[in-house]
Amino acid sequence: MSWTQQDLAEKLKVTRQTISAIERNKYSLSLKLAFQIANVFNTKIENVFLG
């Protein structure tokens, strides 16, 4: 996959800044957002937190 932060943000209905903060571990994920991320990447939710 070759998505930009903006692409992922649009899929998750969040801002690009939120994606950036998640990547830098500066954002505490809600369970809802974590499940959405797992769904987008077709992975288990555990991988979102351990990734």
N, C-alpha and C. Protein backbone atom coordinates (compact mmCIF):
# COMPACT_ATOMS: atom_id res chain seq x y z
N MET A 1 0.83 -1.18 0.00
CA MET A 1 0.00 0.00 0.00
C MET A 1 0.87 1.24 0.00
N SER A 2 0.44 2.17 -0.74
CA SER A 2 1.20 3.40 -0.87
C SER A 2 0.28 4.60 -0.63
N TRP A 3 -0.20 4.71 0.59
CA TRP A 3 -1.13 5.77 0.92
C TRP A 3 -0.40 6.92 1.58
N THR A 4 -0.91 8.10 1.35
CA THR A 4 -0.41 9.26 2.08
C THR A 4 -1.16 9.34 3.41
N GLN A 5 -0.66 10.19 4.28
CA GLN A 5 -1.38 10.44 5.53
C GLN A 5 -2.79 10.95 5.22
N GLN A 6 -2.90 11.79 4.21
CA GLN A 6 -4.19 12.35 3.84
C GLN A 6 -5.14 11.26 3.35
N ASP A 7 -4.63 10.33 2.56
CA ASP A 7 -5.46 9.21 2.08
C ASP A 7 -6.03 8.42 3.25
N LEU A 8 -5.16 8.07 4.20
CA LEU A 8 -5.59 7.30 5.35
C LEU A 8 -6.57 8.11 6.20
N ALA A 9 -6.28 9.38 6.39
CA ALA A 9 -7.17 10.24 7.18
C ALA A 9 -8.57 10.27 6.57
N GLU A 10 -8.64 10.37 5.27
CA GLU A 10 -9.95 10.39 4.61
C GLU A 10 -10.70 9.07 4.79
N LYS A 11 -9.98 7.96 4.73
CA LYS A 11 -10.62 6.65 4.92
C LYS A 11 -11.15 6.51 6.35
N LEU A 12 -10.45 7.11 7.30
CA LEU A 12 -10.83 6.98 8.71
C LEU A 12 -11.70 8.14 9.20
N LYS A 13 -11.87 9.14 8.34
CA LYS A 13 -12.67 10.33 8.69
C LYS A 13 -12.06 11.08 9.88
N VAL A 14 -10.74 11.24 9.82
CA VAL A 14 -10.01 12.05 10.80
C VAL A 14 -9.14 13.02 10.02
N THR A 15 -8.43 13.88 10.71
CA THR A 15 -7.55 14.82 10.02
C THR A 15 -6.19 14.19 9.74
N ARG A 16 -5.47 14.79 8.81
CA ARG A 16 -4.11 14.34 8.52
C ARG A 16 -3.23 14.53 9.75
N GLN A 17 -3.51 15.58 10.53
CA GLN A 17 -2.74 15.85 11.75
C GLN A 17 -2.94 14.73 12.77
N THR A 18 -4.14 14.15 12.81
CA THR A 18 -4.38 13.02 13.71
C THR A 18 -3.53 11.83 13.32
N ILE A 19 -3.46 11.55 12.04
CA ILE A 19 -2.63 10.43 11.56
C ILE A 19 -1.17 10.68 11.90
N SER A 20 -0.71 11.89 11.70
CA SER A 20 0.66 12.24 12.04
C SER A 20 0.92 12.03 13.53
N ALA A 21 0.00 12.47 14.38
CA ALA A 21 0.17 12.30 15.82
C ALA A 21 0.18 10.83 16.21
N ILE A 22 -0.66 10.01 15.57
CA ILE A 22 -0.67 8.57 15.85
C ILE A 22 0.69 7.98 15.50
N GLU A 23 1.23 8.34 14.35
CA GLU A 23 2.52 7.81 13.91
C GLU A 23 3.65 8.19 14.87
N ARG A 24 3.52 9.34 15.52
CA ARG A 24 4.55 9.81 16.45
C ARG A 24 4.26 9.43 17.90
N ASN A 25 3.24 8.58 18.09
CA ASN A 25 2.84 8.16 19.44
C ASN A 25 2.47 9.34 20.33
N LYS A 26 1.84 10.35 19.74
CA LYS A 26 1.42 11.54 20.47
C LYS A 26 -0.10 11.61 20.56
N TYR A 27 -0.77 10.50 20.31
CA TYR A 27 -2.24 10.47 20.27
C TYR A 27 -2.71 9.17 20.89
N SER A 28 -3.62 9.25 21.84
CA SER A 28 -4.19 8.06 22.45
C SER A 28 -5.40 7.61 21.63
N LEU A 29 -5.28 6.44 21.05
CA LEU A 29 -6.35 5.92 20.21
C LEU A 29 -7.58 5.54 21.02
N SER A 30 -8.73 5.86 20.50
CA SER A 30 -9.97 5.32 21.05
C SER A 30 -10.12 3.91 20.49
N LEU A 31 -10.92 3.11 21.16
CA LEU A 31 -11.16 1.76 20.63
C LEU A 31 -11.83 1.83 19.26
N LYS A 32 -12.75 2.78 19.11
CA LYS A 32 -13.44 2.91 17.83
C LYS A 32 -12.44 3.17 16.70
N LEU A 33 -11.53 4.10 16.90
CA LEU A 33 -10.55 4.42 15.86
C LEU A 33 -9.59 3.25 15.65
N ALA A 34 -9.21 2.58 16.72
CA ALA A 34 -8.32 1.42 16.60
C ALA A 34 -8.98 0.32 15.76
N PHE A 35 -10.27 0.07 15.98
CA PHE A 35 -10.98 -0.93 15.18
C PHE A 35 -11.07 -0.48 13.72
N GLN A 36 -11.27 0.81 13.49
CA GLN A 36 -11.32 1.31 12.11
C GLN A 36 -9.97 1.11 11.42
N ILE A 37 -8.89 1.39 12.12
CA ILE A 37 -7.55 1.21 11.55
C ILE A 37 -7.32 -0.27 11.23
N ALA A 38 -7.67 -1.13 12.17
CA ALA A 38 -7.51 -2.57 11.94
C ALA A 38 -8.30 -3.01 10.71
N ASN A 39 -9.50 -2.48 10.56
CA ASN A 39 -10.33 -2.84 9.43
C ASN A 39 -9.71 -2.36 8.11
N VAL A 40 -9.23 -1.13 8.08
CA VAL A 40 -8.63 -0.58 6.86
C VAL A 40 -7.42 -1.41 6.42
N PHE A 41 -6.63 -1.86 7.40
CA PHE A 41 -5.43 -2.63 7.07
C PHE A 41 -5.66 -4.14 7.12
N ASN A 42 -6.94 -4.55 7.31
CA ASN A 42 -7.28 -5.97 7.32
C ASN A 42 -6.38 -6.76 8.27
N THR A 43 -6.33 -6.29 9.52
CA THR A 43 -5.49 -6.93 10.52
C THR A 43 -6.24 -7.01 11.83
N LYS A 44 -5.68 -7.71 12.79
CA LYS A 44 -6.29 -7.80 14.12
C LYS A 44 -6.04 -6.50 14.88
N ILE A 45 -6.96 -6.19 15.76
CA ILE A 45 -6.81 -4.96 16.56
C ILE A 45 -5.54 -4.99 17.41
N GLU A 46 -5.13 -6.18 17.83
CA GLU A 46 -3.90 -6.30 18.62
C GLU A 46 -2.71 -5.72 17.88
N ASN A 47 -2.69 -5.90 16.56
CA ASN A 47 -1.59 -5.40 15.76
C ASN A 47 -1.55 -3.88 15.70
N VAL A 48 -2.70 -3.26 15.86
CA VAL A 48 -2.74 -1.79 15.87
C VAL A 48 -1.98 -1.26 17.08
N PHE A 49 -2.16 -1.93 18.22
CA PHE A 49 -1.52 -1.47 19.44
C PHE A 49 -0.09 -1.96 19.58
N LEU A 50 0.22 -3.10 18.99
CA LEU A 50 1.56 -3.66 19.11
C LEU A 50 2.47 -3.27 17.96
N GLY A 51 1.83 -2.86 16.85
CA GLY A 51 2.48 -2.59 15.60
C GLY A 51 3.69 -1.76 15.67
